[in-house]
Amino acid sequence: MMWMIGPGSMALARLAQAQTGEFPWWAWIIGVVFLVFLLFGIWMRARGKGVVKPEKDMISAANEPRSQPRPKPASTAAPNPQAEMVSPARLSAPSQGDDLKIVEGIGSRIAVILKEAGISSFVQLAAAKPDVLQKMLKAGGLHTPSDPATWPEQARLAAAGDWKALQKLQERLKGGRRVG
């Protein structure tokens, strides 16, 4: 019967007969596997692939001007939820992308056309001339006649954070055009 026991089986038999005070062999294997995974995780983290990196850290994001102000709670809301003032830093550096649809006469499709043409903030829209905007719309494939004559004026008010003046101006507009 001795011929059926190989060197591996004898090692297992010796381990089975080990004293009770010794650490079991399977615990060593689990420990080694754990260490391998731990070292692999540390290595991946050091390479930057195991961690999701936020685009901006929370402190700098809190100090940047928003593209839109936060609406006030319903109990203290003004007639215009965009009535909060924006910091003067907005004019010095254009933001990464304002919501151009705030401007009367700009819808989703026109906003996309303007962003593709390089206008993504109120400051950039305020600096654009209406005839150049009209050419951008035609180049973007918009066949519907749009009148961008008031867009720079509205964008200047939005960039300055003068939401009350913007609301008054928009009350006199229909589809971005002056009425009456």
C-alpha atoms as a PDB file:
ATOM      1  CA  MET A   1       0.000   0.000   0.000  1.00  0.00           C
ATOM      2  CA  MET A   2       3.013   2.219   0.481  1.00  0.00           C
ATOM      3  CA  TRP A   3       3.544   2.453  -3.272  1.00  0.00           C
ATOM      4  CA  MET A   4       0.232   4.470  -3.670  1.00  0.00           C
ATOM      5  CA  ILE A   5       1.438   7.282  -1.441  1.00  0.00           C
ATOM      6  CA  GLY A   6       3.435   9.832  -3.385  1.00  0.00           C
ATOM      7  CA  PRO A   7       5.532  12.703  -2.103  1.00  0.00           C
ATOM      8  CA  GLY A   8       2.568  15.119  -2.219  1.00  0.00           C
ATOM      9  CA  SER A   9       0.319  12.781  -0.306  1.00  0.00           C
ATOM     10  CA  MET A  10       2.945  12.288   2.365  1.00  0.00           C
ATOM     11  CA  ALA A  11       3.228  16.024   2.839  1.00  0.00           C
ATOM     12  CA  LEU A  12      -0.530  16.255   3.263  1.00  0.00           C
ATOM     13  CA  ALA A  13      -0.472  13.405   5.717  1.00  0.00           C
ATOM     14  CA  ARG A  14       2.231  15.143   7.741  1.00  0.00           C
ATOM     15  CA  LEU A  15       0.267  18.380   7.736  1.00  0.00           C
ATOM     16  CA  ALA A  16      -2.839  16.543   8.891  1.00  0.00           C
ATOM     17  CA  GLN A  17      -0.846  15.104  11.793  1.00  0.00           C
ATOM     18  CA  ALA A  18       0.621  18.524  12.708  1.00  0.00           C
ATOM     19  CA  GLN A  19       0.347  19.725  16.237  1.00  0.00           C
ATOM     20  CA  THR A  20      -2.691  21.779  17.127  1.00  0.00           C
ATOM     21  CA  GLY A  21      -0.595  24.826  18.032  1.00  0.00           C
ATOM     22  CA  GLU A  22       0.636  25.318  14.442  1.00  0.00           C
ATOM     23  CA  PHE A  23      -1.012  27.627  11.920  1.00  0.00           C
ATOM     24  CA  PRO A  24      -3.076  25.578   9.383  1.00  0.00           C
ATOM     25  CA  TRP A  25      -1.732  25.409   5.829  1.00  0.00           C
ATOM     26  CA  TRP A  26      -4.946  26.714   4.267  1.00  0.00           C
ATOM     27  CA  ALA A  27      -4.742  29.865   6.388  1.00  0.00           C
ATOM     28  CA  TRP A  28      -1.299  30.559   4.922  1.00  0.00           C
ATOM     29  CA  ILE A  29      -2.730  30.290   1.388  1.00  0.00           C
ATOM     30  CA  ILE A  30      -5.574  32.658   2.219  1.00  0.00           C
ATOM     31  CA  GLY A  31      -3.082  35.117   3.730  1.00  0.00           C
ATOM     32  CA  VAL A  32      -0.839  35.008   0.672  1.00  0.00           C
ATOM     33  CA  VAL A  33      -3.819  35.523  -1.691  1.00  0.00           C
ATOM     34  CA  PHE A  34      -4.967  38.478   0.430  1.00  0.00           C
ATOM     35  CA  LEU A  35      -1.522  40.058   0.309  1.00  0.00           C
ATOM     36  CA  VAL A  36      -1.342  39.600  -3.469  1.00  0.00           C
ATOM     37  CA  PHE A  37      -4.680  41.383  -3.902  1.00  0.00           C
ATOM     38  CA  LEU A  38      -3.660  44.117  -1.474  1.00  0.00           C
ATOM     39  CA  LEU A  39      -0.390  44.773  -3.293  1.00  0.00           C
ATOM     40  CA  PHE A  40      -2.179  44.717  -6.655  1.00  0.00           C
ATOM     41  CA  GLY A  41      -4.680  47.295  -5.383  1.00  0.00           C
ATOM     42  CA  ILE A  42      -1.915  49.550  -4.089  1.00  0.00           C
ATOM     43  CA  TRP A  43      -0.085  49.253  -7.398  1.00  0.00           C
ATOM     44  CA  MET A  44      -3.240  50.131  -9.401  1.00  0.00           C
ATOM     45  CA  ARG A  45      -3.966  53.094  -7.138  1.00  0.00           C
ATOM     46  CA  ALA A  46      -0.410  54.370  -7.601  1.00  0.00           C
ATOM     47  CA  ARG A  47      -0.834  54.146 -11.364  1.00  0.00           C
ATOM     48  CA  GLY A  48      -4.088  56.133 -11.099  1.00  0.00           C
ATOM     49  CA  LYS A  49      -6.334  53.512 -12.656  1.00  0.00           C
ATOM     50  CA  GLY A  50      -8.029  52.272  -9.528  1.00  0.00           C
ATOM     51  CA  VAL A  51      -9.314  55.644  -8.400  1.00  0.00           C
ATOM     52  CA  VAL A  52     -12.029  57.747  -9.978  1.00  0.00           C
ATOM     53  CA  LYS A  53     -10.645  61.262 -10.094  1.00  0.00           C
ATOM     54  CA  PRO A  54     -13.194  64.099  -9.883  1.00  0.00           C
ATOM     55  CA  GLU A  55     -12.905  66.788 -12.550  1.00  0.00           C
ATOM     56  CA  LYS A  56     -12.597  69.494  -9.916  1.00  0.00           C
ATOM     57  CA  ASP A  57     -11.986  69.151  -6.265  1.00  0.00           C
ATOM     58  CA  MET A  58     -14.839  70.178  -4.011  1.00  0.00           C
ATOM     59  CA  ILE A  59     -13.198  73.331  -2.631  1.00  0.00           C
ATOM     60  CA  SER A  60     -12.394  74.913  -5.987  1.00  0.00           C
ATOM     61  CA  ALA A  61     -15.795  73.916  -7.419  1.00  0.00           C
ATOM     62  CA  ALA A  62     -17.565  75.665  -4.543  1.00  0.00           C
ATOM     63  CA  ASN A  63     -15.709  78.927  -5.244  1.00  0.00           C
ATOM     64  CA  GLU A  64     -16.414  79.061  -8.992  1.00  0.00           C
ATOM     65  CA  PRO A  65     -19.342  81.034 -10.389  1.00  0.00           C
ATOM     66  CA  ARG A  66     -22.251  78.951 -11.619  1.00  0.00           C
ATOM     67  CA  SER A  67     -23.766  79.065 -15.076  1.00  0.00           C
ATOM     68  CA  GLN A  68     -27.128  79.538 -13.358  1.00  0.00           C
ATOM     69  CA  PRO A  69     -27.921  80.692  -9.868  1.00  0.00           C
ATOM     70  CA  ARG A  70     -29.651  78.282  -7.519  1.00  0.00           C
ATOM     71  CA  PRO A  71     -33.375  78.875  -7.183  1.00  0.00           C
ATOM     72  CA  LYS A  72     -34.511  80.074  -3.780  1.00  0.00           C
ATOM     73  CA  PRO A  73     -36.724  77.842  -1.624  1.00  0.00           C
ATOM     74  CA  ALA A  74     -40.434  78.048  -2.474  1.00  0.00           C
ATOM     75  CA  SER A  75     -41.282  80.028   0.682  1.00  0.00           C
ATOM     76  CA  THR A  76     -38.941  82.933  -0.185  1.00  0.00           C
ATOM     77  CA  ALA A  77     -38.823  82.594  -3.983  1.00  0.00           C
ATOM     78  CA  ALA A  78     -38.981  85.784  -5.993  1.00  0.00           C
ATOM     79  CA  PRO A  79     -41.129  85.854  -9.144  1.00  0.00           C
ATOM     80  CA  ASN A  80     -37.951  85.073 -11.093  1.00  0.00           C
ATOM     81  CA  PRO A  81     -35.970  82.116  -9.682  1.00  0.00           C
ATOM     82  CA  GLN A  82     -32.883  83.492 -11.455  1.00  0.00           C
ATOM     83  CA  ALA A  83     -32.901  86.715  -9.432  1.00  0.00           C
ATOM     84  CA  GLU A  84     -29.709  85.984  -7.457  1.00  0.00           C
ATOM     85  CA  MET A  85     -26.626  88.005  -8.227  1.00  0.00           C
ATOM     86  CA  VAL A  86     -23.530  86.416  -9.741  1.00  0.00           C
ATOM     87  CA  SER A  87     -20.040  87.381  -8.588  1.00  0.00           C
ATOM     88  CA  PRO A  88     -18.077  89.958 -10.624  1.00  0.00           C
ATOM     89  CA  ALA A  89     -15.507  87.248 -11.378  1.00  0.00           C
ATOM     90  CA  ARG A  90     -17.918  86.046 -14.089  1.00  0.00           C
ATOM     91  CA  LEU A  91     -16.924  88.925 -16.371  1.00  0.00           C
ATOM     92  CA  SER A  92     -13.169  88.447 -16.014  1.00  0.00           C
ATOM     93  CA  ALA A  93     -13.074  84.767 -16.989  1.00  0.00           C
ATOM     94  CA  PRO A  94     -15.758  83.058 -19.064  1.00  0.00           C
ATOM     95  CA  SER A  95     -17.067  79.897 -17.472  1.00  0.00           C
ATOM     96  CA  GLN A  96     -16.778  76.494 -19.081  1.00  0.00           C
ATOM     97  CA  GLY A  97     -20.349  76.604 -20.265  1.00  0.00           C
ATOM     98  CA  ASP A  98     -23.364  78.689 -19.355  1.00  0.00           C
ATOM     99  CA  ASP A  99     -26.913  77.640 -20.124  1.00  0.00           C
ATOM    100  CA  LEU A 100     -27.460  79.737 -23.229  1.00  0.00           C
ATOM    101  CA  LYS A 101     -31.125  78.707 -23.318  1.00  0.00           C
ATOM    102  CA  ILE A 102     -31.746  81.341 -20.635  1.00  0.00           C
ATOM    103  CA  VAL A 103     -31.482  83.895 -23.435  1.00  0.00           C
ATOM    104  CA  GLU A 104     -34.897  84.482 -25.030  1.00  0.00           C
ATOM    105  CA  GLY A 105     -34.892  83.071 -28.567  1.00  0.00           C
ATOM    106  CA  ILE A 106     -32.234  80.387 -27.984  1.00  0.00           C
ATOM    107  CA  GLY A 107     -33.498  76.842 -27.795  1.00  0.00           C
ATOM    108  CA  SER A 108     -31.734  73.514 -27.523  1.00  0.00           C
ATOM    109  CA  ARG A 109     -30.813  73.289 -31.199  1.00  0.00           C
ATOM    110  CA  ILE A 110     -29.457  76.847 -31.412  1.00  0.00           C
ATOM    111  CA  ALA A 111     -27.498  76.345 -28.176  1.00  0.00           C
ATOM    112  CA  VAL A 112     -25.805  73.294 -29.705  1.00  0.00           C
ATOM    113  CA  ILE A 113     -24.985  75.217 -32.891  1.00  0.00           C
ATOM    114  CA  LEU A 114     -23.483  78.079 -30.880  1.00  0.00           C
ATOM    115  CA  LYS A 115     -21.397  75.734 -28.715  1.00  0.00           C
ATOM    116  CA  GLU A 116     -20.080  73.971 -31.820  1.00  0.00           C
ATOM    117  CA  ALA A 117     -19.123  77.396 -33.197  1.00  0.00           C
ATOM    118  CA  GLY A 118     -17.181  78.175 -30.007  1.00  0.00           C
ATOM    119  CA  ILE A 119     -19.712  80.225 -28.038  1.00  0.00           C
ATOM    120  CA  SER A 120     -20.426  78.494 -24.744  1.00  0.00           C
ATOM    121  CA  SER A 121     -20.689  81.329 -22.220  1.00  0.00           C
ATOM    122  CA  PHE A 122     -22.678  84.510 -21.711  1.00  0.00           C
ATOM    123  CA  VAL A 123     -19.492  86.571 -21.983  1.00  0.00           C
ATOM    124  CA  GLN A 124     -18.683  85.107 -25.404  1.00  0.00           C
ATOM    125  CA  LEU A 125     -22.263  85.603 -26.600  1.00  0.00           C
ATOM    126  CA  ALA A 126     -22.249  89.203 -25.346  1.00  0.00           C
ATOM    127  CA  ALA A 127     -19.110  89.919 -27.389  1.00  0.00           C
ATOM    128  CA  ALA A 128     -20.568  88.468 -30.611  1.00  0.00           C
ATOM    129  CA  LYS A 129     -22.188  90.635 -33.268  1.00  0.00           C
ATOM    130  CA  PRO A 130     -25.714  89.754 -34.440  1.00  0.00           C
ATOM    131  CA  ASP A 131     -24.703  89.412 -38.110  1.00  0.00           C
ATOM    132  CA  VAL A 132     -21.902  86.981 -37.157  1.00  0.00           C
ATOM    133  CA  LEU A 133     -24.379  85.003 -35.040  1.00  0.00           C
ATOM    134  CA  GLN A 134     -26.774  84.830 -38.009  1.00  0.00           C
ATOM    135  CA  LYS A 135     -23.973  83.432 -40.190  1.00  0.00           C
ATOM    136  CA  MET A 136     -23.170  80.822 -37.524  1.00  0.00           C
ATOM    137  CA  LEU A 137     -26.804  79.706 -37.469  1.00  0.00           C
ATOM    138  CA  LYS A 138     -26.901  79.348 -41.267  1.00  0.00           C
ATOM    139  CA  ALA A 139     -23.578  77.473 -41.244  1.00  0.00           C
ATOM    140  CA  GLY A 140     -24.993  75.176 -38.553  1.00  0.00           C
ATOM    141  CA  GLY A 141     -27.854  74.190 -40.865  1.00  0.00           C
ATOM    142  CA  LEU A 142     -30.627  76.228 -39.262  1.00  0.00           C
ATOM    143  CA  HIS A 143     -33.069  77.204 -41.997  1.00  0.00           C
ATOM    144  CA  THR A 144     -35.668  78.776 -39.732  1.00  0.00           C
ATOM    145  CA  PRO A 145     -35.258  82.547 -39.595  1.00  0.00           C
ATOM    146  CA  SER A 146     -33.887  83.474 -36.179  1.00  0.00           C
ATOM    147  CA  ASP A 147     -33.199  87.023 -35.081  1.00  0.00           C
ATOM    148  CA  PRO A 148     -30.139  87.172 -32.818  1.00  0.00           C
ATOM    149  CA  ALA A 149     -30.255  90.985 -32.547  1.00  0.00           C
ATOM    150  CA  THR A 150     -31.104  90.976 -28.811  1.00  0.00           C
ATOM    151  CA  TRP A 151     -28.977  87.976 -27.794  1.00  0.00           C
ATOM    152  CA  PRO A 152     -25.772  89.931 -27.017  1.00  0.00           C
ATOM    153  CA  GLU A 153     -27.726  92.420 -24.898  1.00  0.00           C
ATOM    154  CA  GLN A 154     -29.433  89.626 -22.961  1.00  0.00           C
ATOM    155  CA  ALA A 155     -26.118  87.795 -22.560  1.00  0.00           C
ATOM    156  CA  ARG A 156     -24.459  90.948 -21.142  1.00  0.00           C
ATOM    157  CA  LEU A 157     -27.161  91.187 -18.476  1.00  0.00           C
ATOM    158  CA  ALA A 158     -26.860  87.460 -17.662  1.00  0.00           C
ATOM    159  CA  ALA A 159     -23.056  87.637 -17.496  1.00  0.00           C
ATOM    160  CA  ALA A 160     -23.280  90.580 -15.114  1.00  0.00           C
ATOM    161  CA  GLY A 161     -25.823  88.728 -12.988  1.00  0.00           C
ATOM    162  CA  ASP A 162     -28.488  91.402 -13.498  1.00  0.00           C
ATOM    163  CA  TRP A 163     -31.365  88.927 -13.576  1.00  0.00           C
ATOM    164  CA  LYS A 164     -34.075  91.515 -12.832  1.00  0.00           C
ATOM    165  CA  ALA A 165     -33.073  93.653 -15.815  1.00  0.00           C
ATOM    166  CA  LEU A 166     -32.876  90.534 -17.958  1.00  0.00           C
ATOM    167  CA  GLN A 167     -36.382  89.530 -16.904  1.00  0.00           C
ATOM    168  CA  LYS A 168     -37.746  93.007 -17.718  1.00  0.00           C
ATOM    169  CA  LEU A 169     -36.109  92.904 -21.142  1.00  0.00           C
ATOM    170  CA  GLN A 170     -37.427  89.407 -21.850  1.00  0.00           C
ATOM    171  CA  GLU A 171     -40.961  90.492 -20.944  1.00  0.00           C
ATOM    172  CA  ARG A 172     -40.791  92.896 -23.915  1.00  0.00           C
ATOM    173  CA  LEU A 173     -39.494  90.162 -26.253  1.00  0.00           C
ATOM    174  CA  LYS A 174     -41.211  87.354 -28.077  1.00  0.00           C
ATOM    175  CA  GLY A 175     -38.932  84.594 -29.365  1.00  0.00           C
ATOM    176  CA  GLY A 176     -35.948  86.898 -28.910  1.00  0.00           C
ATOM    177  CA  ARG A 177     -37.472  89.672 -31.022  1.00  0.00           C
ATOM    178  CA  ARG A 178     -38.635  93.047 -29.775  1.00  0.00           C
ATOM    179  CA  VAL A 179     -42.409  93.407 -29.890  1.00  0.00           C
ATOM    180  CA  GLY A 180     -44.212  96.714 -30.157  1.00  0.00           C
END
